[in-house]
Amino acid sequence: MKTILAPTHLRHALAAALLALASSSAFAQAPVAPATTPAVGTTTTAPGGPGAAEKPKPLSPADKKFIKDSGKSIYFELQLVDLVKTTATVEGTKKFGELVNTEMHKAWDALGVIAKDKGETLPTELTGGDKSSVERLKKTKGDQVDKLFFREFLKEAKSLERDFLSVSKSAAGDPDIKNFAVNYLAIVKGHVTDGEKAEKATQKKP
């Protein structure tokens, strides 16, 4: 059987078409490199994005003073009530001490969280007049324990109430500190009111 060959110009055209088809297929299958590749050690998170650490807003001198002063007062009150829970001669004094102990420990813990978050610290020991008052109360005996306790406690509680009231009404300052003052103001006021009533009960003791 005789093979029929196509004209030369047709064979050349067919070969060129096949070559073009092969080149087009190879290009379609070739992997596409990413437009940009992060360098080693760099991050793709834009400044201020989810990965950026937010610095806490610096506290004002007034807010720092409130943390320091209220922490000092609460710590002092806790030392006082810890003593009278066992040494007071009037049952009402002991019960009042237990109430204050429970409520002010909660305030202490809440203030501690705020202080830590703001880079501040609460006192861990008594100093100055507070230390002298507690030492004097330790040495006191009989019904003088109740009288000395209320004299020292109410003086501190009234000072604390003034501070809490001032911060709770302030339009400026740190919102966390203001909320703390607002939340515990009623408790501090209650300690003054209930403390004055309990003190009068000790004066009526036969």
Protein backbone atom coordinates (compact mmCIF):
# COMPACT_ATOMS: atom_id res chain seq x y z
CA MET A 1 0.00 0.00 0.00
CA LYS A 2 1.42 3.42 -0.89
CA THR A 3 1.64 6.09 1.81
CA ILE A 4 0.30 9.46 0.83
CA LEU A 5 2.31 12.35 2.25
CA ALA A 6 0.85 15.78 2.77
CA PRO A 7 2.53 18.66 1.05
CA THR A 8 5.58 20.07 2.82
CA HIS A 9 3.97 23.40 3.74
CA LEU A 10 1.05 21.56 5.41
CA ARG A 11 3.38 19.39 7.52
CA HIS A 12 5.25 22.47 8.72
CA ALA A 13 2.02 24.22 9.72
CA LEU A 14 0.81 21.12 11.63
CA ALA A 15 4.10 20.85 13.54
CA ALA A 16 3.99 24.52 14.53
CA ALA A 17 0.43 24.14 15.81
CA LEU A 18 1.35 21.09 17.93
CA LEU A 19 4.36 22.96 19.40
CA ALA A 20 2.21 25.95 20.33
CA LEU A 21 -0.37 23.70 22.00
CA ALA A 22 2.30 21.94 24.08
CA SER A 23 3.80 25.26 25.22
CA SER A 24 0.39 26.59 26.25
CA SER A 25 -0.38 23.43 28.33
CA ALA A 26 2.97 23.55 30.13
CA PHE A 27 2.46 27.20 31.05
CA ALA A 28 -0.98 26.46 32.50
CA GLN A 29 0.41 23.68 34.72
CA ALA A 30 3.41 25.67 36.03
CA PRO A 31 3.10 26.75 39.72
CA VAL A 32 2.56 30.46 40.31
CA ALA A 33 4.95 32.01 42.84
CA PRO A 34 3.40 34.28 45.56
CA ALA A 35 3.58 37.97 44.85
CA THR A 36 5.53 38.66 48.05
CA THR A 37 7.14 36.42 50.66
CA PRO A 38 7.69 37.73 54.25
CA ALA A 39 11.33 37.76 55.23
CA VAL A 40 12.43 35.46 58.03
CA GLY A 41 11.92 37.04 61.41
CA THR A 42 9.31 39.55 60.28
CA THR A 43 5.60 39.64 61.04
CA THR A 44 2.69 40.22 58.73
CA THR A 45 0.61 41.91 61.46
CA ALA A 46 0.21 45.60 60.80
CA PRO A 47 1.12 48.02 63.61
CA GLY A 48 -1.90 48.57 65.83
CA GLY A 49 -3.55 45.33 64.63
CA PRO A 50 -4.66 42.35 66.74
CA GLY A 51 -1.08 41.33 67.49
CA ALA A 52 -0.01 44.72 68.80
CA ALA A 53 0.32 45.07 72.55
CA GLU A 54 -1.63 47.94 74.03
CA LYS A 55 0.14 49.96 76.69
CA PRO A 56 -2.01 50.83 79.72
CA LYS A 57 -2.80 54.50 80.09
CA PRO A 58 -0.58 56.07 82.79
CA LEU A 59 -2.37 56.80 86.05
CA SER A 60 -2.73 60.35 87.26
CA PRO A 61 -1.03 61.31 90.56
CA ALA A 62 -4.50 61.45 92.15
CA ASP A 63 -5.32 57.87 91.10
CA LYS A 64 -1.97 56.60 92.36
CA LYS A 65 -2.57 58.36 95.66
CA PHE A 66 -6.02 56.79 95.97
CA ILE A 67 -4.63 53.28 95.48
CA LYS A 68 -1.89 53.93 98.02
CA ASP A 69 -4.09 55.62 100.63
CA SER A 70 -7.09 53.30 100.37
CA GLY A 71 -4.82 50.25 100.37
CA LYS A 72 -3.13 51.53 103.51
CA SER A 73 -6.48 52.20 105.23
CA ILE A 74 -8.00 48.84 104.31
CA TYR A 75 -4.88 47.00 105.48
CA PHE A 76 -4.96 48.88 108.78
CA GLU A 77 -8.65 48.12 109.32
CA LEU A 78 -8.08 44.43 108.66
CA GLN A 79 -5.37 44.31 111.32
CA LEU A 80 -7.64 46.01 113.85
CA VAL A 81 -10.64 43.74 113.30
CA ASP A 82 -8.45 40.65 113.32
CA LEU A 83 -7.53 41.46 116.92
CA VAL A 84 -11.00 42.30 118.28
CA LYS A 85 -12.57 39.15 116.84
CA THR A 86 -11.03 37.36 119.82
CA THR A 87 -10.08 40.04 122.38
CA ALA A 88 -13.21 42.25 122.51
CA THR A 89 -15.33 41.99 125.67
CA VAL A 90 -18.65 42.88 124.00
CA GLU A 91 -20.23 40.36 121.65
CA GLY A 92 -21.44 43.12 119.35
CA THR A 93 -17.86 44.29 118.85
CA LYS A 94 -16.78 40.80 117.84
CA LYS A 95 -19.64 40.42 115.36
CA PHE A 96 -18.90 43.83 113.88
CA GLY A 97 -15.26 42.84 113.52
CA GLU A 98 -16.20 39.65 111.69
CA LEU A 99 -18.45 41.59 109.29
CA VAL A 100 -15.77 44.15 108.49
CA ASN A 101 -13.19 41.40 108.09
CA THR A 102 -15.30 39.62 105.46
CA GLU A 103 -16.28 42.71 103.49
CA MET A 104 -12.92 44.47 103.55
CA HIS A 105 -11.06 41.35 102.47
CA LYS A 106 -13.20 41.43 99.32
CA ALA A 107 -12.36 45.11 98.84
CA TRP A 108 -8.68 44.34 99.39
CA ASP A 109 -8.71 41.60 96.76
CA ALA A 110 -10.55 43.79 94.24
CA LEU A 111 -8.16 46.70 94.79
CA GLY A 112 -5.21 44.33 94.49
CA VAL A 113 -6.32 43.25 91.01
CA ILE A 114 -6.61 46.87 89.90
CA ALA A 115 -3.27 47.82 91.43
CA LYS A 116 -1.49 44.95 89.70
CA ASP A 117 -3.07 45.82 86.36
CA LYS A 118 -1.94 49.44 86.72
CA GLY A 119 1.59 48.57 87.85
CA GLU A 120 1.03 49.67 91.46
CA THR A 121 1.49 47.74 94.73
CA LEU A 122 -0.49 47.52 97.95
CA PRO A 123 1.13 47.68 101.41
CA THR A 124 2.21 44.43 103.05
CA GLU A 125 3.10 45.80 106.49
CA LEU A 126 2.03 48.47 108.95
CA THR A 127 4.04 51.65 109.35
CA GLY A 128 4.03 54.82 111.44
CA GLY A 129 0.93 55.60 113.48
CA ASP A 130 -0.97 52.57 112.16
CA LYS A 131 1.68 50.23 113.52
CA SER A 132 1.70 52.01 116.88
CA SER A 133 -2.10 51.80 117.14
CA VAL A 134 -2.19 48.07 116.47
CA GLU A 135 0.63 47.43 118.95
CA ARG A 136 -1.22 49.48 121.57
CA LEU A 137 -4.43 47.54 120.94
CA LYS A 138 -2.54 44.26 121.40
CA LYS A 139 -1.45 45.36 124.88
CA THR A 140 -4.87 46.65 125.96
CA LYS A 141 -7.02 44.53 128.28
CA GLY A 142 -10.66 44.31 129.34
CA ASP A 143 -13.35 46.67 128.10
CA GLN A 144 -10.68 49.15 127.07
CA VAL A 145 -10.12 46.92 124.02
CA ASP A 146 -13.57 47.76 122.63
CA LYS A 147 -13.19 51.48 123.28
CA LEU A 148 -9.73 51.76 121.73
CA PHE A 149 -10.76 49.67 118.76
CA PHE A 150 -13.74 51.85 117.85
CA ARG A 151 -11.78 55.05 118.35
CA GLU A 152 -9.11 53.91 115.90
CA PHE A 153 -11.41 52.13 113.48
CA LEU A 154 -14.00 54.88 113.09
CA LYS A 155 -11.35 57.51 112.53
CA GLU A 156 -9.92 55.42 109.66
CA ALA A 157 -13.33 54.42 108.28
CA LYS A 158 -14.48 58.06 108.05
CA SER A 159 -11.29 58.99 106.23
CA LEU A 160 -11.81 56.10 103.83
CA GLU A 161 -15.41 57.16 103.24
CA ARG A 162 -14.32 60.67 102.26
CA ASP A 163 -11.79 59.30 99.79
CA PHE A 164 -14.26 56.86 98.21
CA LEU A 165 -16.93 59.54 97.94
CA SER A 166 -14.53 61.97 96.27
CA VAL A 167 -13.34 59.45 93.67
CA SER A 168 -16.86 58.13 92.96
CA LYS A 169 -18.04 61.68 92.12
CA SER A 170 -15.01 62.60 90.03
CA ALA A 171 -15.59 63.05 86.30
CA ALA A 172 -11.94 62.41 85.53
CA GLY A 173 -9.49 59.69 86.45
CA ASP A 174 -9.17 55.99 85.69
CA PRO A 175 -12.56 54.28 85.12
CA ASP A 176 -11.52 51.06 86.91
CA ILE A 177 -10.57 52.98 90.04
CA LYS A 178 -13.77 55.02 89.92
CA ASN A 179 -15.90 51.87 89.56
CA PHE A 180 -14.13 50.34 92.54
CA ALA A 181 -14.91 53.40 94.66
CA VAL A 182 -18.54 53.41 93.51
CA ASN A 183 -19.00 49.69 94.20
CA TYR A 184 -17.58 49.81 97.74
CA LEU A 185 -18.76 53.24 98.88
CA ALA A 186 -21.98 51.89 100.44
CA ILE A 187 -20.02 49.24 102.34
CA VAL A 188 -17.58 51.80 103.72
CA LYS A 189 -20.47 54.07 104.73
CA GLY A 190 -22.15 51.12 106.42
CA HIS A 191 -19.04 50.44 108.47
CA VAL A 192 -19.15 54.00 109.80
CA THR A 193 -22.85 53.84 110.64
CA ASP A 194 -22.79 50.33 112.13
CA GLY A 195 -19.52 51.06 113.91
CA GLU A 196 -21.00 54.08 115.66
CA LYS A 197 -23.99 52.01 116.80
CA ALA A 198 -21.77 49.21 118.05
CA GLU A 199 -19.58 51.72 119.87
CA LYS A 200 -22.60 53.11 121.75
CA ALA A 201 -23.50 49.57 122.80
CA THR A 202 -20.11 49.21 124.49
CA GLN A 203 -20.70 52.43 126.43
CA LYS A 204 -23.95 51.03 127.85
CA LYS A 205 -22.20 47.93 129.13
CA PRO A 206 -22.84 47.58 132.91
